[in-house]
């Protein structure tokens, strides 16, 4: 729909988010990565990139999410950290590529 409306920048941003979702799906087929930390890292990184890193303190919330997932024994620390790294890293690279392009 965004493409049909001529919103090419929105199409590119959405493609980054869809790409993250596909990568998370593929990783989860082999290893139980933390989607909770991943999705929160995606959101926090995107907010910071759109608002010039004014909300860096939001990463403290991400630490709490990771701690809660491990404390509740849903994930190991490696799974929680990998979710955050993959989610935040892919969005940072993807959005930087879309903006630079």
Protein backbone atom coordinates (compact mmCIF):
# COMPACT_ATOMS: atom_id res chain seq x y z
CA UNK A 1 0.00 0.00 0.00
CA UNK A 2 2.81 2.38 0.88
CA UNK A 3 4.43 1.65 -2.47
CA UNK A 4 1.20 2.34 -4.33
CA UNK A 5 0.86 5.65 -2.49
CA UNK A 6 4.37 6.64 -3.55
CA UNK A 7 5.81 6.47 -0.03
CA UNK A 8 9.12 4.94 -1.08
CA UNK A 9 10.98 5.91 2.11
CA UNK A 10 8.29 4.19 4.20
CA UNK A 11 8.56 1.10 1.98
CA UNK A 12 12.31 0.96 2.65
CA UNK A 13 11.90 1.36 6.40
CA UNK A 14 9.23 -1.34 6.49
CA UNK A 15 11.50 -3.62 4.44
CA UNK A 16 14.14 -3.28 7.17
CA UNK A 17 11.61 -4.35 9.82
CA UNK A 18 10.37 -7.26 7.68
CA UNK A 19 13.97 -8.34 7.15
CA UNK A 20 14.55 -8.41 10.90
CA UNK A 21 11.41 -10.52 11.37
CA UNK A 22 12.56 -13.03 8.74
CA UNK A 23 16.03 -13.32 10.28
CA UNK A 24 14.55 -13.86 13.74
CA UNK A 25 12.26 -16.55 12.34
CA UNK A 26 15.16 -18.35 10.67
CA UNK A 27 17.38 -18.19 13.76
CA UNK A 28 14.52 -19.44 15.95
CA UNK A 29 14.23 -22.56 13.79
CA UNK A 30 17.67 -23.65 15.03
CA UNK A 31 18.15 -21.82 18.35
CA UNK A 32 15.72 -20.25 20.84
CA UNK A 33 16.70 -16.59 20.53
CA UNK A 34 14.89 -14.07 22.75
CA UNK A 35 12.26 -12.30 20.70
CA UNK A 36 11.37 -10.11 23.68
CA UNK A 37 14.80 -8.53 23.86
CA UNK A 38 15.04 -8.48 20.08
CA UNK A 39 11.78 -6.62 19.50
CA UNK A 40 12.57 -4.15 22.28
CA UNK A 41 16.06 -3.57 20.82
CA UNK A 42 14.49 -2.95 17.40
CA UNK A 43 12.07 -0.40 18.86
CA UNK A 44 14.63 1.37 21.04
CA UNK A 45 17.23 1.54 18.27
CA UNK A 46 14.69 2.82 15.74
CA UNK A 47 13.46 5.50 18.16
CA UNK A 48 17.02 6.62 18.81
CA UNK A 49 17.91 6.69 15.13
CA UNK A 50 14.83 8.71 14.25
CA UNK A 51 15.35 11.13 17.15
CA UNK A 52 19.15 11.51 16.93
CA UNK A 53 20.01 9.34 19.95
CA UNK A 54 18.15 11.55 22.46
CA UNK A 55 16.66 8.49 24.17
CA UNK A 56 19.74 6.39 24.77
CA UNK A 57 18.53 5.81 28.34
CA UNK A 58 15.85 3.49 26.94
CA UNK A 59 18.51 0.79 26.68
CA UNK A 60 18.21 0.48 30.48
CA UNK A 61 14.73 -0.91 29.89
CA UNK A 62 16.22 -3.43 27.47
CA UNK A 63 18.55 -4.61 30.24
CA UNK A 64 15.53 -5.13 32.49
CA UNK A 65 13.74 -7.13 29.81
CA UNK A 66 16.79 -9.36 29.30
CA UNK A 67 17.16 -9.85 33.05
CA UNK A 68 13.46 -10.78 33.40
CA UNK A 69 13.63 -13.34 30.58
CA UNK A 70 16.64 -15.02 32.18
CA UNK A 71 15.25 -14.76 35.73
CA UNK A 72 12.01 -16.43 34.62
CA UNK A 73 14.12 -19.16 33.00
CA UNK A 74 12.69 -18.61 29.53
CA UNK A 75 16.17 -17.92 28.09
CA UNK A 76 19.84 -18.03 28.87
CA UNK A 77 21.92 -14.86 28.98
CA UNK A 78 23.37 -15.78 25.58
CA UNK A 79 19.89 -16.05 24.04
CA UNK A 80 18.74 -12.77 25.58
CA UNK A 81 21.87 -10.90 24.51
CA UNK A 82 21.82 -12.36 21.00
CA UNK A 83 18.22 -11.21 20.57
CA UNK A 84 19.21 -7.68 21.52
CA UNK A 85 22.34 -7.67 19.35
CA UNK A 86 20.65 -9.11 16.27
CA UNK A 87 17.57 -6.90 16.57
CA UNK A 88 19.35 -3.67 17.39
CA UNK A 89 22.22 -4.32 15.00
CA UNK A 90 20.05 -5.15 12.01
CA UNK A 91 17.86 -2.08 12.51
CA UNK A 92 20.87 0.20 12.97
CA UNK A 93 22.53 -1.10 9.81
CA UNK A 94 19.29 -1.25 7.84
CA UNK A 95 18.06 2.22 8.75
CA UNK A 96 21.52 3.73 8.21
CA UNK A 97 21.56 2.16 4.74
CA UNK A 98 18.05 3.46 3.95
CA UNK A 99 18.90 6.99 5.14
CA UNK A 100 22.31 7.11 3.41
CA UNK A 101 20.91 5.69 0.18
